Amino acid sequence: MALGWYELKLASDGQFMFNLKAANSQVILTSELYKTRAAAENGIASVQKNGEDESLFEYRVAKNDKPYFVLKAKNHQEIGRSQYYSSQESAKNGVKSVMNNAATTTVKDLTKA
């Protein structure tokens, strides 16, 4: 099975962030903003380390009643969050996708583009 990849990017304010994308190019997890490239790279390493552990995912419901999830490290710090989903079942499938793709070592650096 083909794995997805991480995209390391610059946000509009110059901070770093990353997305984990599935093999179909869909974003399945988005990071917080980081002040340095090294911190964003550490975030990617944290997803690689923690993203296969289902117990570290937390399901939530947004103000618009759409389900989503967050991935937390073992220290309970949020590593990344999903998009909003149309159903809880779709959110569960999103978690499975993150778990299947988290270990990828492919990082596409878009900060130099």
PDB file of N, CA and C in Angstrom:
ATOM      1  N   MET A   1       0.843  -1.177   0.000  1.00  0.00           N
ATOM      2  CA  MET A   1       0.000   0.000   0.000  1.00  0.00           C
ATOM      3  C   MET A   1       0.894   1.247   0.000  1.00  0.00           C
ATOM      4  N   ALA A   2       0.603   2.182  -0.875  1.00  0.00           N
ATOM      5  CA  ALA A   2       1.369   3.419  -0.956  1.00  0.00           C
ATOM      6  C   ALA A   2       1.081   4.280   0.267  1.00  0.00           C
ATOM      7  N   LEU A   3       2.144   4.859   0.789  1.00  0.00           N
ATOM      8  CA  LEU A   3       1.994   5.757   1.925  1.00  0.00           C
ATOM      9  C   LEU A   3       1.890   7.192   1.439  1.00  0.00           C
ATOM     10  N   GLY A   4       1.364   8.018   2.289  1.00  0.00           N
ATOM     11  CA  GLY A   4       1.283   9.440   2.007  1.00  0.00           C
ATOM     12  C   GLY A   4       2.606  10.115   2.284  1.00  0.00           C
ATOM     13  N   TRP A   5       2.547  11.413   2.583  1.00  0.00           N
ATOM     14  CA  TRP A   5       3.747  12.190   2.824  1.00  0.00           C
ATOM     15  C   TRP A   5       3.399  13.418   3.663  1.00  0.00           C
ATOM     16  N   TYR A   6       4.451  14.021   4.161  1.00  0.00           N
ATOM     17  CA  TYR A   6       4.329  15.281   4.892  1.00  0.00           C
ATOM     18  C   TYR A   6       4.704  16.415   3.945  1.00  0.00           C
ATOM     19  N   GLU A   7       3.993  17.506   4.036  1.00  0.00           N
ATOM     20  CA  GLU A   7       4.349  18.724   3.318  1.00  0.00           C
ATOM     21  C   GLU A   7       4.698  19.787   4.349  1.00  0.00           C
ATOM     22  N   LEU A   8       5.943  20.221   4.326  1.00  0.00           N
ATOM     23  CA  LEU A   8       6.420  21.276   5.210  1.00  0.00           C
ATOM     24  C   LEU A   8       6.254  22.589   4.459  1.00  0.00           C
ATOM     25  N   LYS A   9       5.553  23.557   5.078  1.00  0.00           N
ATOM     26  CA  LYS A   9       5.197  24.787   4.383  1.00  0.00           C
ATOM     27  C   LYS A   9       5.425  25.999   5.271  1.00  0.00           C
ATOM     28  N   LEU A  10       5.405  27.156   4.633  1.00  0.00           N
ATOM     29  CA  LEU A  10       5.411  28.425   5.351  1.00  0.00           C
ATOM     30  C   LEU A  10       3.983  28.956   5.391  1.00  0.00           C
ATOM     31  N   ALA A  11       3.543  29.379   6.550  1.00  0.00           N
ATOM     32  CA  ALA A  11       2.235  30.016   6.672  1.00  0.00           C
ATOM     33  C   ALA A  11       2.367  31.461   6.202  1.00  0.00           C
ATOM     34  N   SER A  12       1.246  32.120   6.034  1.00  0.00           N
ATOM     35  CA  SER A  12       1.257  33.493   5.522  1.00  0.00           C
ATOM     36  C   SER A  12       2.031  34.455   6.425  1.00  0.00           C
ATOM     37  N   ASP A  13       2.140  34.127   7.707  1.00  0.00           N
ATOM     38  CA  ASP A  13       2.873  35.007   8.630  1.00  0.00           C
ATOM     39  C   ASP A  13       4.347  34.625   8.769  1.00  0.00           C
ATOM     40  N   GLY A  14       4.820  33.687   7.928  1.00  0.00           N
ATOM     41  CA  GLY A  14       6.222  33.299   7.939  1.00  0.00           C
ATOM     42  C   GLY A  14       6.567  32.166   8.885  1.00  0.00           C
ATOM     43  N   GLN A  15       5.604  31.686   9.653  1.00  0.00           N
ATOM     44  CA  GLN A  15       5.858  30.555  10.533  1.00  0.00           C
ATOM     45  C   GLN A  15       5.781  29.254   9.723  1.00  0.00           C
ATOM     46  N   PHE A  16       6.297  28.187  10.311  1.00  0.00           N
ATOM     47  CA  PHE A  16       6.312  26.885   9.654  1.00  0.00           C
ATOM     48  C   PHE A  16       5.123  26.050  10.114  1.00  0.00           C
ATOM     49  N   MET A  17       4.659  25.177   9.228  1.00  0.00           N
ATOM     50  CA  MET A  17       3.600  24.224   9.561  1.00  0.00           C
ATOM     51  C   MET A  17       3.718  23.049   8.606  1.00  0.00           C
ATOM     52  N   PHE A  18       2.982  21.981   8.895  1.00  0.00           N
ATOM     53  CA  PHE A  18       2.989  20.846   7.983  1.00  0.00           C
ATOM     54  C   PHE A  18       1.607  20.227   7.899  1.00  0.00           C
ATOM     55  N   ASN A  19       1.400  19.546   6.783  1.00  0.00           N
ATOM     56  CA  ASN A  19       0.219  18.714   6.587  1.00  0.00           C
ATOM     57  C   ASN A  19       0.688  17.291   6.340  1.00  0.00           C
ATOM     58  N   LEU A  20      -0.051  16.341   6.872  1.00  0.00           N
ATOM     59  CA  LEU A  20       0.126  14.939   6.497  1.00  0.00           C
ATOM     60  C   LEU A  20      -0.911  14.661   5.433  1.00  0.00           C
ATOM     61  N   LYS A  21      -0.449  14.179   4.287  1.00  0.00           N
ATOM     62  CA  LYS A  21      -1.356  13.884   3.188  1.00  0.00           C
ATOM     63  C   LYS A  21      -1.387  12.384   2.938  1.00  0.00           C
ATOM     64  N   ALA A  22      -2.568  11.887   2.611  1.00  0.00           N
ATOM     65  CA  ALA A  22      -2.737  10.482   2.246  1.00  0.00           C
ATOM     66  C   ALA A  22      -2.248  10.279   0.814  1.00  0.00           C
ATOM     67  N   ALA A  23      -2.137   9.032   0.396  1.00  0.00           N
ATOM     68  CA  ALA A  23      -1.661   8.709  -0.948  1.00  0.00           C
ATOM     69  C   ALA A  23      -2.527   9.347  -2.033  1.00  0.00           C
ATOM     70  N   ASN A  24      -3.784   9.653  -1.724  1.00  0.00           N
ATOM     71  CA  ASN A  24      -4.684  10.289  -2.698  1.00  0.00           C
ATOM     72  C   ASN A  24      -4.569  11.814  -2.673  1.00  0.00           C
ATOM     73  N   SER A  25      -3.568  12.345  -1.990  1.00  0.00           N
ATOM     74  CA  SER A  25      -3.263  13.783  -1.868  1.00  0.00           C
ATOM     75  C   SER A  25      -4.192  14.549  -0.936  1.00  0.00           C
ATOM     76  N   GLN A  26      -5.084  13.876  -0.246  1.00  0.00           N
ATOM     77  CA  GLN A  26      -5.996  14.550   0.679  1.00  0.00           C
ATOM     78  C   GLN A  26      -5.278  14.842   1.997  1.00  0.00           C
ATOM     79  N   VAL A  27      -5.459  16.060   2.521  1.00  0.00           N
ATOM     80  CA  VAL A  27      -4.886  16.428   3.820  1.00  0.00           C
ATOM     81  C   VAL A  27      -5.640  15.668   4.907  1.00  0.00           C
ATOM     82  N   ILE A  28      -4.913  14.937   5.742  1.00  0.00           N
ATOM     83  CA  ILE A  28      -5.561  14.165   6.809  1.00  0.00           C
ATOM     84  C   ILE A  28      -5.181  14.651   8.208  1.00  0.00           C
ATOM     85  N   LEU A  29      -4.146  15.507   8.303  1.00  0.00           N
ATOM     86  CA  LEU A  29      -3.760  16.070   9.596  1.00  0.00           C
ATOM     87  C   LEU A  29      -3.002  17.366   9.336  1.00  0.00           C
ATOM     88  N   THR A  30      -3.322  18.406  10.096  1.00  0.00           N
ATOM     89  CA  THR A  30      -2.667  19.707   9.970  1.00  0.00           C
ATOM     90  C   THR A  30      -2.049  20.075  11.308  1.00  0.00           C
ATOM     91  N   SER A  31      -0.823  20.552  11.251  1.00  0.00           N
ATOM     92  CA  SER A  31      -0.105  20.911  12.474  1.00  0.00           C
ATOM     93  C   SER A  31      -0.484  22.306  12.949  1.00  0.00           C
ATOM     94  N   GLU A  32       0.018  22.627  14.126  1.00  0.00           N
ATOM     95  CA  GLU A  32      -0.032  23.993  14.619  1.00  0.00           C
ATOM     96  C   GLU A  32       1.051  24.789  13.905  1.00  0.00           C
ATOM     97  N   LEU A  33       1.165  26.073  14.202  1.00  0.00           N
ATOM     98  CA  LEU A  33       2.221  26.907  13.632  1.00  0.00           C
ATOM     99  C   LEU A  33       3.452  26.850  14.534  1.00  0.00           C
ATOM    100  N   TYR A  34       4.610  26.810  13.889  1.00  0.00           N
ATOM    101  CA  TYR A  34       5.882  26.741  14.607  1.00  0.00           C
ATOM    102  C   TYR A  34       6.745  27.928  14.204  1.00  0.00           C
ATOM    103  N   LYS A  35       7.505  28.459  15.140  1.00  0.00           N
ATOM    104  CA  LYS A  35       8.363  29.616  14.858  1.00  0.00           C
ATOM    105  C   LYS A  35       9.601  29.235  14.051  1.00  0.00           C
ATOM    106  N   THR A  36      10.044  27.979  14.167  1.00  0.00           N
ATOM    107  CA  THR A  36      11.260  27.552  13.471  1.00  0.00           C
ATOM    108  C   THR A  36      11.022  26.280  12.671  1.00  0.00           C
ATOM    109  N   ARG A  37      11.874  26.092  11.661  1.00  0.00           N
ATOM    110  CA  ARG A  37      11.825  24.856  10.865  1.00  0.00           C
ATOM    111  C   ARG A  37      12.104  23.645  11.759  1.00  0.00           C
ATOM    112  N   ALA A  38      13.077  23.782  12.649  1.00  0.00           N
ATOM    113  CA  ALA A  38      13.437  22.658  13.525  1.00  0.00           C
ATOM    114  C   ALA A  38      12.247  22.225  14.377  1.00  0.00           C
ATOM    115  N   ALA A  39      11.480  23.174  14.873  1.00  0.00           N
ATOM    116  CA  ALA A  39      10.307  22.837  15.687  1.00  0.00           C
ATOM    117  C   ALA A  39       9.265  22.115  14.837  1.00  0.00           C
ATOM    118  N   ALA A  40       9.062  22.548  13.599  1.00  0.00           N
ATOM    119  CA  ALA A  40       8.109  21.866  12.709  1.00  0.00           C
ATOM    120  C   ALA A  40       8.592  20.460  12.387  1.00  0.00           C
ATOM    121  N   GLU A  41       9.887  20.313  12.168  1.00  0.00           N
ATOM    122  CA  GLU A  41      10.444  18.977  11.905  1.00  0.00           C
ATOM    123  C   GLU A  41      10.275  18.071  13.118  1.00  0.00           C
ATOM    124  N   ASN A  42      10.408  18.628  14.317  1.00  0.00           N
ATOM    125  CA  ASN A  42      10.147  17.851  15.540  1.00  0.00           C
ATOM    126  C   ASN A  42       8.680  17.449  15.611  1.00  0.00           C
ATOM    127  N   GLY A  43       7.782  18.329  15.141  1.00  0.00           N
ATOM    128  CA  GLY A  43       6.361  17.993  15.088  1.00  0.00           C
ATOM    129  C   GLY A  43       6.101  16.818  14.170  1.00  0.00           C
ATOM    130  N   ILE A  44       6.751  16.808  13.013  1.00  0.00           N
ATOM    131  CA  ILE A  44       6.616  15.677  12.087  1.00  0.00           C
ATOM    132  C   ILE A  44       7.106  14.403  12.760  1.00  0.00           C
ATOM    133  N   ALA A  45       8.258  14.469  13.428  1.00  0.00           N
ATOM    134  CA  ALA A  45       8.792  13.297  14.131  1.00  0.00           C
ATOM    135  C   ALA A  45       7.822  12.817  15.205  1.00  0.00           C
ATOM    136  N   SER A  46       7.139  13.739  15.848  1.00  0.00           N
ATOM    137  CA  SER A  46       6.169  13.367  16.880  1.00  0.00           C
ATOM    138  C   SER A  46       4.968  12.642  16.267  1.00  0.00           C
ATOM    139  N   VAL A  47       4.509  13.090  15.099  1.00  0.00           N
ATOM    140  CA  VAL A  47       3.413  12.377  14.424  1.00  0.00           C
ATOM    141  C   VAL A  47       3.889  10.985  14.019  1.00  0.00           C
ATOM    142  N   GLN A  48       5.111  10.890  13.498  1.00  0.00           N
ATOM    143  CA  GLN A  48       5.645   9.590  13.105  1.00  0.00           C
ATOM    144  C   GLN A  48       5.693   8.640  14.301  1.00  0.00           C
ATOM    145  N   LYS A  49       6.037   9.169  15.461  1.00  0.00           N
ATOM    146  CA  LYS A  49       6.169   8.358  16.682  1.00  0.00           C
ATOM    147  C   LYS A  49       4.815   8.019  17.312  1.00  0.00           C
ATOM    148  N   ASN A  50       3.905   8.991  17.342  1.00  0.00           N
ATOM    149  CA  ASN A  50       2.651   8.829  18.080  1.00  0.00           C
ATOM    150  C   ASN A  50       1.429   8.521  17.218  1.00  0.00           C
ATOM    151  N   GLY A  51       1.547   8.726  15.926  1.00  0.00           N
ATOM    152  CA  GLY A  51       0.392   8.642  15.044  1.00  0.00           C
ATOM    153  C   GLY A  51      -0.174   7.253  14.813  1.00  0.00           C
ATOM    154  N   GLU A  52       0.519   6.233  15.251  1.00  0.00           N
ATOM    155  CA  GLU A  52       0.016   4.870  15.076  1.00  0.00           C
ATOM    156  C   GLU A  52      -0.686   4.349  16.328  1.00  0.00           C
ATOM    157  N   ASP A  53      -0.749   5.168  17.371  1.00  0.00           N
ATOM    158  CA  ASP A  53      -1.350   4.767  18.645  1.00  0.00           C
ATOM    159  C   ASP A  53      -2.763   5.349  18.744  1.00  0.00           C
ATOM    160  N   GLU A  54      -3.760   4.508  18.536  1.00  0.00           N
ATOM    161  CA  GLU A  54      -5.145   4.974  18.495  1.00  0.00           C
ATOM    162  C   GLU A  54      -5.578   5.657  19.789  1.00  0.00           C
ATOM    163  N   SER A  55      -4.965   5.287  20.908  1.00  0.00           N
ATOM    164  CA  SER A  55      -5.358   5.874  22.198  1.00  0.00           C
ATOM    165  C   SER A  55      -4.967   7.350  22.304  1.00  0.00           C
ATOM    166  N   LEU A  56      -4.123   7.841  21.400  1.00  0.00           N
ATOM    167  CA  LEU A  56      -3.675   9.237  21.451  1.00  0.00           C
ATOM    168  C   LEU A  56      -4.539  10.171  20.607  1.00  0.00           C
ATOM    169  N   PHE A  57      -5.569   9.629  19.989  1.00  0.00           N
ATOM    170  CA  PHE A  57      -6.498  10.455  19.218  1.00  0.00           C
ATOM    171  C   PHE A  57      -7.696  10.804  20.097  1.00  0.00           C
ATOM    172  N   GLU A  58      -8.141  12.025  19.991  1.00  0.00           N
ATOM    173  CA  GLU A  58      -9.290  12.502  20.759  1.00  0.00           C
ATOM    174  C   GLU A  58     -10.331  13.050  19.781  1.00  0.00           C
ATOM    175  N   TYR A  59     -11.532  12.503  19.870  1.00  0.00           N
ATOM    176  CA  TYR A  59     -12.625  12.968  19.006  1.00  0.00           C
ATOM    177  C   TYR A  59     -13.298  14.167  19.651  1.00  0.00           C
ATOM    178  N   ARG A  60     -13.613  15.166  18.811  1.00  0.00           N
ATOM    179  CA  ARG A  60     -14.278  16.376  19.288  1.00  0.00           C
ATOM    180  C   ARG A  60     -15.383  16.760  18.305  1.00  0.00           C
ATOM    181  N   VAL A  61     -16.219  17.686  18.741  1.00  0.00           N
ATOM    182  CA  VAL A  61     -17.268  18.227  17.877  1.00  0.00           C
ATOM    183  C   VAL A  61     -17.128  19.743  17.874  1.00  0.00           C
ATOM    184  N   ALA A  62     -17.059  20.327  16.694  1.00  0.00           N
ATOM    185  CA  ALA A  62     -16.898  21.780  16.541  1.00  0.00           C
ATOM    186  C   ALA A  62     -18.209  22.493  16.850  1.00  0.00           C
ATOM    187  N   LYS A  63     -18.137  23.812  16.946  1.00  0.00           N
ATOM    188  CA  LYS A  63     -19.333  24.620  17.214  1.00  0.00           C
ATOM    189  C   LYS A  63     -20.402  24.450  16.140  1.00  0.00           C
ATOM    190  N   ASN A  64     -19.978  24.087  14.935  1.00  0.00           N
ATOM    191  CA  ASN A  64     -20.937  23.870  13.842  1.00  0.00           C
ATOM    192  C   ASN A  64     -21.452  22.425  13.811  1.00  0.00           C
ATOM    193  N   ASP A  65     -21.216  21.685  14.903  1.00  0.00           N
ATOM    194  CA  ASP A  65     -21.658  20.292  15.071  1.00  0.00           C
ATOM    195  C   ASP A  65     -20.946  19.297  14.155  1.00  0.00           C
ATOM    196  N   LYS A  66     -19.838  19.689  13.574  1.00  0.00           N
ATOM    197  CA  LYS A  66     -19.074  18.775  12.715  1.00  0.00           C
ATOM    198  C   LYS A  66     -18.013  18.071  13.553  1.00  0.00           C
ATOM    199  N   PRO A  67     -17.910  16.753  13.425  1.00  0.00           N
ATOM    200  CA  PRO A  67     -16.877  16.026  14.166  1.00  0.00           C
ATOM    201  C   PRO A  67     -15.492  16.228  13.552  1.00  0.00           C
ATOM    202  N   TYR A  68     -14.492  16.185  14.405  1.00  0.00           N
ATOM    203  CA  TYR A  68     -13.091  16.215  13.986  1.00  0.00           C
ATOM    204  C   TYR A  68     -12.283  15.520  15.071  1.00  0.00           C
ATOM    205  N   PHE A  69     -10.976  15.389  14.855  1.00  0.00           N
ATOM    206  CA  PHE A  69     -10.135  14.756  15.867  1.00  0.00           C
ATOM    207  C   PHE A  69      -8.832  15.514  16.005  1.00  0.00           C
ATOM    208  N   VAL A  70      -8.197  15.313  17.146  1.00  0.00           N
ATOM    209  CA  VAL A  70      -6.854  15.827  17.388  1.00  0.00           C
ATOM    210  C   VAL A  70      -5.963  14.653  17.765  1.00  0.00           C
ATOM    211  N   LEU A  71      -4.703  14.769  17.399  1.00  0.00           N
ATOM    212  CA  LEU A  71      -3.688  13.800  17.804  1.00  0.00           C
ATOM    213  C   LEU A  71      -2.845  14.464  18.875  1.00  0.00           C
ATOM    214  N   LYS A  72      -2.709  13.789  19.998  1.00  0.00           N
ATOM    215  CA  LYS A  72      -1.915  14.319  21.105  1.00  0.00           C
ATOM    216  C   LYS A  72      -0.720  13.414  21.357  1.00  0.00           C
ATOM    217  N   ALA A  73       0.379  14.027  21.780  1.00  0.00           N
ATOM    218  CA  ALA A  73       1.548  13.265  22.198  1.00  0.00           C
ATOM    219  C   ALA A  73       1.274  12.653  23.566  1.00  0.00           C
ATOM    220  N   LYS A  74       2.161  11.799  23.998  1.00  0.00           N
ATOM    221  CA  LYS A  74       1.977  11.152  25.297  1.00  0.00           C
ATOM    222  C   LYS A  74       1.969  12.164  26.444  1.00  0.00           C
ATOM    223  N   ASN A  75       2.548  13.351  26.225  1.00  0.00           N
ATOM    224  CA  ASN A  75       2.531  14.401  27.256  1.00  0.00           C
ATOM    225  C   ASN A  75       1.261  15.247  27.169  1.00  0.00           C
ATOM    226  N   HIS A  76       0.314  14.813  26.343  1.00  0.00           N
ATOM    227  CA  HIS A  76      -1.001  15.444  26.165  1.00  0.00           C
ATOM    228  C   HIS A  76      -0.961  16.736  25.356  1.00  0.00           C
ATOM    229  N   GLN A  77       0.172  17.061  24.771  1.00  0.00           N
ATOM    230  CA  GLN A  77       0.259  18.251  23.924  1.00  0.00           C
ATOM    231  C   GLN A  77      -0.290  17.913  22.539  1.00  0.00           C
ATOM    232  N   GLU A  78      -1.102  18.821  22.014  1.00  0.00           N
ATOM    233  CA  GLU A  78      -1.685  18.602  20.686  1.00  0.00           C
ATOM    234  C   GLU A  78      -0.600  18.690  19.621  1.00  0.00           C
ATOM    235  N   ILE A  79      -0.590  17.688  18.726  1.00  0.00           N
ATOM    236  CA  ILE A  79       0.377  17.652  17.631  1.00  0.00           C
ATOM    237  C   ILE A  79      -0.267  18.152  16.340  1.00  0.00           C
ATOM    238  N   GLY A  80      -1.511  17.741  16.124  1.00  0.00           N
ATOM    239  CA  GLY A  80      -2.199  18.128  14.901  1.00  0.00           C
ATOM    240  C   GLY A  80      -3.680  17.850  15.018  1.00  0.00           C
ATOM    241  N   ARG A  81      -4.423  18.384  14.038  1.00  0.00           N
ATOM    242  CA  ARG A  81      -5.865  18.167  14.042  1.00  0.00           C
ATOM    243  C   ARG A  81      -6.352  17.938  12.629  1.00  0.00           C
ATOM    244  N   SER A  82      -7.527  17.371  12.549  1.00  0.00           N
ATOM    245  CA  SER A  82      -8.112  17.030  11.257  1.00  0.00           C
ATOM    246  C   SER A  82      -8.988  18.151  10.736  1.00  0.00           C
ATOM    247  N   GLN A  83      -9.475  17.934   9.559  1.00  0.00           N
ATOM    248  CA  GLN A  83     -10.523  18.773   8.988  1.00  0.00           C
ATOM    249  C   GLN A  83     -11.830  18.439   9.704  1.00  0.00           C
ATOM    250  N   TYR A  84     -12.890  19.155   9.391  1.00  0.00           N
ATOM    251  CA  TYR A  84     -14.216  18.794   9.888  1.00  0.00           C
ATOM    252  C   TYR A  84     -14.800  17.726   8.980  1.00  0.00           C
ATOM    253  N   TYR A  85     -15.495  16.782   9.590  1.00  0.00           N
ATOM    254  CA  TYR A  85     -16.097  15.673   8.852  1.00  0.00           C
ATOM    255  C   TYR A  85     -17.614  15.767   8.888  1.00  0.00           C
ATOM    256  N   SER A  86     -18.242  15.064   7.975  1.00  0.00           N
ATOM    257  CA  SER A  86     -19.709  15.076   7.898  1.00  0.00           C
ATOM    258  C   SER A  86     -20.343  14.132   8.908  1.00  0.00           C
ATOM    259  N   SER A  87     -19.564  13.164   9.413  1.00  0.00           N
ATOM    260  CA  SER A  87     -20.106  12.203  10.374  1.00  0.00           C
ATOM    261  C   SER A  87     -18.991  11.684  11.273  1.00  0.00           C
ATOM    262  N   GLN A  88     -19.380  11.118  12.390  1.00  0.00           N
ATOM    263  CA  GLN A  88     -18.413  10.516  13.314  1.00  0.00           C
ATOM    264  C   GLN A  88     -17.702   9.344  12.636  1.00  0.00           C
ATOM    265  N   GLU A  89     -18.430   8.593  11.824  1.00  0.00           N
ATOM    266  CA  GLU A  89     -17.833   7.472  11.102  1.00  0.00           C
ATOM    267  C   GLU A  89     -16.737   7.952  10.159  1.00  0.00           C
ATOM    268  N   SER A  90     -16.974   9.085   9.487  1.00  0.00           N
ATOM    269  CA  SER A  90     -15.953   9.656   8.596  1.00  0.00           C
ATOM    270  C   SER A  90     -14.725  10.080   9.405  1.00  0.00           C
ATOM    271  N   ALA A  91     -14.929  10.652  10.579  1.00  0.00           N
ATOM    272  CA  ALA A  91     -13.811  11.038  11.439  1.00  0.00           C
ATOM    273  C   ALA A  91     -13.014   9.809  11.860  1.00  0.00           C
ATOM    274  N   LYS A  92     -13.685   8.713  12.174  1.00  0.00           N
ATOM    275  CA  LYS A  92     -12.994   7.475  12.539  1.00  0.00           C
ATOM    276  C   LYS A  92     -12.160   6.955  11.373  1.00  0.00           C
ATOM    277  N   ASN A  93     -12.687   7.076  10.158  1.00  0.00           N
ATOM    278  CA  ASN A  93     -11.922   6.678   8.982  1.00  0.00           C
ATOM    279  C   ASN A  93     -10.703   7.573   8.802  1.00  0.00           C
ATOM    280  N   GLY A  94     -10.854   8.866   9.145  1.00  0.00           N
ATOM    281  CA  GLY A  94      -9.726   9.786   9.092  1.00  0.00           C
ATOM    282  C   GLY A  94      -8.620   9.375  10.055  1.00  0.00           C
ATOM    283  N   VAL A  95      -8.989   8.957  11.260  1.00  0.00           N
ATOM    284  CA  VAL A  95      -8.002   8.473  12.229  1.00  0.00           C
ATOM    285  C   VAL A  95      -7.271   7.262  11.665  1.00  0.00           C
ATOM    286  N   LYS A  96      -8.015   6.338  11.076  1.00  0.00           N
ATOM    287  CA  LYS A  96      -7.382   5.146  10.480  1.00  0.00           C
ATOM    288  C   LYS A  96      -6.390   5.545   9.402  1.00  0.00           C
ATOM    289  N   SER A  97      -6.748   6.558   8.607  1.00  0.00           N
ATOM    290  CA  SER A  97      -5.851   7.022   7.552  1.00  0.00           C
ATOM    291  C   SER A  97      -4.578   7.622   8.138  1.00  0.00           C
ATOM    292  N   VAL A  98      -4.704   8.427   9.191  1.00  0.00           N
ATOM    293  CA  VAL A  98      -3.513   8.971   9.845  1.00  0.00           C
ATOM    294  C   VAL A  98      -2.659   7.829  10.377  1.00  0.00           C
ATOM    295  N   MET A  99      -3.275   6.866  11.036  1.00  0.00           N
ATOM    296  CA  MET A  99      -2.533   5.738  11.590  1.00  0.00           C
ATOM    297  C   MET A  99      -1.786   4.970  10.486  1.00  0.00           C
ATOM    298  N   ASN A 100      -2.400   4.850   9.319  1.00  0.00           N
ATOM    299  CA  ASN A 100      -1.784   4.128   8.205  1.00  0.00           C
ATOM    300  C   ASN A 100      -0.664   4.914   7.539  1.00  0.00           C
ATOM    301  N   ASN A 101      -0.696   6.237   7.637  1.00  0.00           N
ATOM    302  CA  ASN A 101       0.260   7.076   6.921  1.00  0.00           C
ATOM    303  C   ASN A 101       1.299   7.760   7.802  1.00  0.00           C
ATOM    304  N   ALA A 102       1.108   7.742   9.104  1.00  0.00           N
ATOM    305  CA  ALA A 102       1.968   8.505  10.024  1.00  0.00           C
ATOM    306  C   ALA A 102       3.444   8.136   9.914  1.00  0.00           C
ATOM    307  N   ALA A 103       3.746   6.887   9.676  1.00  0.00           N
ATOM    308  CA  ALA A 103       5.132   6.428   9.695  1.00  0.00           C
ATOM    309  C   ALA A 103       5.935   6.813   8.456  1.00  0.00           C
ATOM    310  N   THR A 104       5.287   7.377   7.451  1.00  0.00           N
ATOM    311  CA  THR A 104       6.024   7.729   6.244  1.00  0.00           C
ATOM    312  C   THR A 104       7.200   8.649   6.566  1.00  0.00           C
ATOM    313  N   THR A 105       8.285   8.454   5.867  1.00  0.00           N
ATOM    314  CA  THR A 105       9.455   9.310   6.055  1.00  0.00           C
ATOM    315  C   THR A 105       9.603  10.322   4.914  1.00  0.00           C
ATOM    316  N   THR A 106       8.658  10.329   4.005  1.00  0.00           N
ATOM    317  CA  THR A 106       8.702  11.271   2.888  1.00  0.00           C
ATOM    318  C   THR A 106       8.223  12.643   3.348  1.00  0.00           C
ATOM    319  N   VAL A 107       9.093  13.629   3.216  1.00  0.00           N
ATOM    320  CA  VAL A 107       8.762  15.012   3.561  1.00  0.00           C
ATOM    321  C   VAL A 107       9.039  15.869   2.337  1.00  0.00           C
ATOM    322  N   LYS A 108       8.017  16.526   1.844  1.00  0.00           N
ATOM    323  CA  LYS A 108       8.177  17.438   0.722  1.00  0.00           C
ATOM    324  C   LYS A 108       8.309  18.845   1.286  1.00  0.00           C
ATOM    325  N   ASP A 109       9.457  19.438   1.071  1.00  0.00           N
ATOM    326  CA  ASP A 109       9.748  20.754   1.620  1.00  0.00           C
ATOM    327  C   ASP A 109       9.274  21.813   0.630  1.00  0.00           C
ATOM    328  N   LEU A 110       8.174  22.472   0.939  1.00  0.00           N
ATOM    329  CA  LEU A 110       7.622  23.510   0.078  1.00  0.00           C
ATOM    330  C   LEU A 110       8.033  24.908   0.527  1.00  0.00           C
ATOM    331  N   THR A 111       8.923  24.986   1.514  1.00  0.00           N
ATOM    332  CA  THR A 111       9.335  26.291   2.024  1.00  0.00           C
ATOM    333  C   THR A 111      10.297  27.003   1.080  1.00  0.00           C
ATOM    334  N   LYS A 112      10.873  26.255   0.168  1.00  0.00           N
ATOM    335  CA  LYS A 112      11.859  26.837  -0.746  1.00  0.00           C
ATOM    336  C   LYS A 112      11.269  27.146  -2.114  1.00  0.00           C
ATOM    337  N   ALA A 113       9.992  26.849  -2.280  1.00  0.00           N
ATOM    338  CA  ALA A 113       9.358  27.037  -3.591  1.00  0.00           C
ATOM    339  C   ALA A 113       9.128  28.494  -3.897  1.00  0.00           C
TER     340      ALA A 113
END
